[in-house]
Structures are given as C-alpha cells and as structure tokens.
Amino acid sequence: MKFPNAAKGVKKIFNAEIISLIAALVGGAGLVMSLIGASKETNESVGTTLLAVSGALLIVSGIALLVAGIMNIIGFIQA
C-alpha cells in the first residue's frame, strides 16, 4: 500500500520543526533584549527602544510558532 502524500507531509513536518527552532532562537534573543532593556536605568530612551524591539521580536516569534504548529498539524494529516 502506497502513501502518495506522505513525502509532502513529512516535508511539512520537517519545515515546521525548522521554523519552530528559528522561532525559539528569535524568542530567546527577544527575552535577552527585554532583560537588558529592563536593567538600563541610566538612559531611558535606550531601555525603551530595547523593550520595543524585544516586544516586536517576541511577537514575531509567537506568530512563527503558530505557523509551525499549523504546519505540523497539516503535515501529520497528510502523512
């Protein structure tokens, strides 16, 4: 018995795992930047800028994780 769509499903699962790893790295960078921004008390504009950038990175990371989760579900259905 052959599964013609299994390769497509496995490829989507593999891509989803790569996206989730990249999202974890981006989220970690955002977390580190937010910790650095929260500890900057000497110059408020630097701290605020770092917090804004880290918030944007965390939002991008969350969206990438949602996309990876959807791709995982689709890949499991196809495989």
C-alpha atoms as a PDB file:
ATOM      1  CA  MET A   1       0.000   0.000   0.000  1.00  0.00           C
ATOM      2  CA  LYS A   2       1.455   3.341  -1.047  1.00  0.00           C
ATOM      3  CA  PHE A   3       1.003   6.712   0.542  1.00  0.00           C
ATOM      4  CA  PRO A   4       1.454   9.297  -2.227  1.00  0.00           C
ATOM      5  CA  ASN A   5       1.184  12.330   0.056  1.00  0.00           C
ATOM      6  CA  ALA A   6       3.446  11.000   2.806  1.00  0.00           C
ATOM      7  CA  ALA A   7       6.521  12.764   1.431  1.00  0.00           C
ATOM      8  CA  LYS A   8       4.646  16.078   1.368  1.00  0.00           C
ATOM      9  CA  GLY A   9       3.511  15.576   4.944  1.00  0.00           C
ATOM     10  CA  VAL A  10       6.965  14.661   6.202  1.00  0.00           C
ATOM     11  CA  LYS A  11       8.439  17.668   4.385  1.00  0.00           C
ATOM     12  CA  LYS A  12       5.901  19.971   6.068  1.00  0.00           C
ATOM     13  CA  ILE A  13       6.661  18.469   9.473  1.00  0.00           C
ATOM     14  CA  PHE A  14      10.397  18.955   8.875  1.00  0.00           C
ATOM     15  CA  ASN A  15       9.884  22.574   7.781  1.00  0.00           C
ATOM     16  CA  ALA A  16       7.664  23.202  10.800  1.00  0.00           C
ATOM     17  CA  GLU A  17      10.387  21.946  13.128  1.00  0.00           C
ATOM     18  CA  ILE A  18      12.942  24.241  11.487  1.00  0.00           C
ATOM     19  CA  ILE A  19      10.552  27.190  11.831  1.00  0.00           C
ATOM     20  CA  SER A  20       9.963  26.375  15.497  1.00  0.00           C
ATOM     21  CA  LEU A  21      13.721  26.219  16.146  1.00  0.00           C
ATOM     22  CA  ILE A  22      14.216  29.604  14.474  1.00  0.00           C
ATOM     23  CA  ALA A  23      11.290  31.000  16.468  1.00  0.00           C
ATOM     24  CA  ALA A  24      12.861  29.723  19.683  1.00  0.00           C
ATOM     25  CA  LEU A  25      16.132  31.478  18.831  1.00  0.00           C
ATOM     26  CA  VAL A  26      14.317  34.723  17.993  1.00  0.00           C
ATOM     27  CA  GLY A  27      12.256  34.453  21.174  1.00  0.00           C
ATOM     28  CA  GLY A  28      15.396  33.899  23.230  1.00  0.00           C
ATOM     29  CA  ALA A  29      17.001  36.944  21.658  1.00  0.00           C
ATOM     30  CA  GLY A  30      13.870  38.954  22.437  1.00  0.00           C
ATOM     31  CA  LEU A  31      13.912  37.754  26.027  1.00  0.00           C
ATOM     32  CA  VAL A  32      17.565  38.697  26.482  1.00  0.00           C
ATOM     33  CA  MET A  33      16.941  42.111  24.930  1.00  0.00           C
ATOM     34  CA  SER A  34      13.990  42.709  27.243  1.00  0.00           C
ATOM     35  CA  LEU A  35      16.106  41.814  30.271  1.00  0.00           C
ATOM     36  CA  ILE A  36      18.845  44.179  29.111  1.00  0.00           C
ATOM     37  CA  GLY A  37      16.286  46.908  28.412  1.00  0.00           C
ATOM     38  CA  ALA A  38      14.695  46.494  31.825  1.00  0.00           C
ATOM     39  CA  SER A  39      18.058  46.834  33.561  1.00  0.00           C
ATOM     40  CA  LYS A  40      19.059  50.020  31.683  1.00  0.00           C
ATOM     41  CA  GLU A  41      18.270  52.759  34.170  1.00  0.00           C
ATOM     42  CA  THR A  42      20.818  55.329  33.060  1.00  0.00           C
ATOM     43  CA  ASN A  43      19.318  56.223  29.693  1.00  0.00           C
ATOM     44  CA  GLU A  44      15.578  55.782  29.387  1.00  0.00           C
ATOM     45  CA  SER A  45      15.461  56.049  25.608  1.00  0.00           C
ATOM     46  CA  VAL A  46      17.865  53.120  25.198  1.00  0.00           C
ATOM     47  CA  GLY A  47      15.862  50.971  27.592  1.00  0.00           C
ATOM     48  CA  THR A  48      12.584  51.874  25.931  1.00  0.00           C
ATOM     49  CA  THR A  49      13.960  51.149  22.478  1.00  0.00           C
ATOM     50  CA  LEU A  50      15.293  47.778  23.600  1.00  0.00           C
ATOM     51  CA  LEU A  51      11.942  46.899  25.161  1.00  0.00           C
ATOM     52  CA  ALA A  52      10.109  47.867  21.975  1.00  0.00           C
ATOM     53  CA  VAL A  53      12.438  45.817  19.789  1.00  0.00           C
ATOM     54  CA  SER A  54      12.238  42.848  22.140  1.00  0.00           C
ATOM     55  CA  GLY A  55       8.451  43.051  22.114  1.00  0.00           C
ATOM     56  CA  ALA A  56       8.456  43.005  18.326  1.00  0.00           C
ATOM     57  CA  LEU A  57      10.803  40.005  18.315  1.00  0.00           C
ATOM     58  CA  LEU A  58       8.579  38.150  20.769  1.00  0.00           C
ATOM     59  CA  ILE A  59       5.508  38.850  18.626  1.00  0.00           C
ATOM     60  CA  VAL A  60       7.304  37.575  15.514  1.00  0.00           C
ATOM     61  CA  SER A  61       8.406  34.508  17.458  1.00  0.00           C
ATOM     62  CA  GLY A  62       4.852  33.804  18.592  1.00  0.00           C
ATOM     63  CA  ILE A  63       3.471  34.128  15.073  1.00  0.00           C
ATOM     64  CA  ALA A  64       6.186  31.814  13.748  1.00  0.00           C
ATOM     65  CA  LEU A  65       5.322  29.249  16.422  1.00  0.00           C
ATOM     66  CA  LEU A  66       1.645  29.414  15.454  1.00  0.00           C
ATOM     67  CA  VAL A  67       2.523  28.884  11.790  1.00  0.00           C
ATOM     68  CA  ALA A  68       4.791  25.975  12.733  1.00  0.00           C
ATOM     69  CA  GLY A  69       2.017  24.393  14.774  1.00  0.00           C
ATOM     70  CA  ILE A  70      -0.440  24.658  11.902  1.00  0.00           C
ATOM     71  CA  MET A  71       2.143  23.211   9.514  1.00  0.00           C
ATOM     72  CA  ASN A  72       2.729  20.332  11.947  1.00  0.00           C
ATOM     73  CA  ILE A  73      -0.976  19.521  12.055  1.00  0.00           C
ATOM     74  CA  ILE A  74      -1.273  19.653   8.260  1.00  0.00           C
ATOM     75  CA  GLY A  75       1.852  17.512   7.911  1.00  0.00           C
ATOM     76  CA  PHE A  76       0.509  14.884  10.308  1.00  0.00           C
ATOM     77  CA  ILE A  77      -2.777  14.766   8.414  1.00  0.00           C
ATOM     78  CA  GLN A  78      -1.002  14.350   5.073  1.00  0.00           C
ATOM     79  CA  ALA A  79       1.475  11.782   6.355  1.00  0.00           C
END
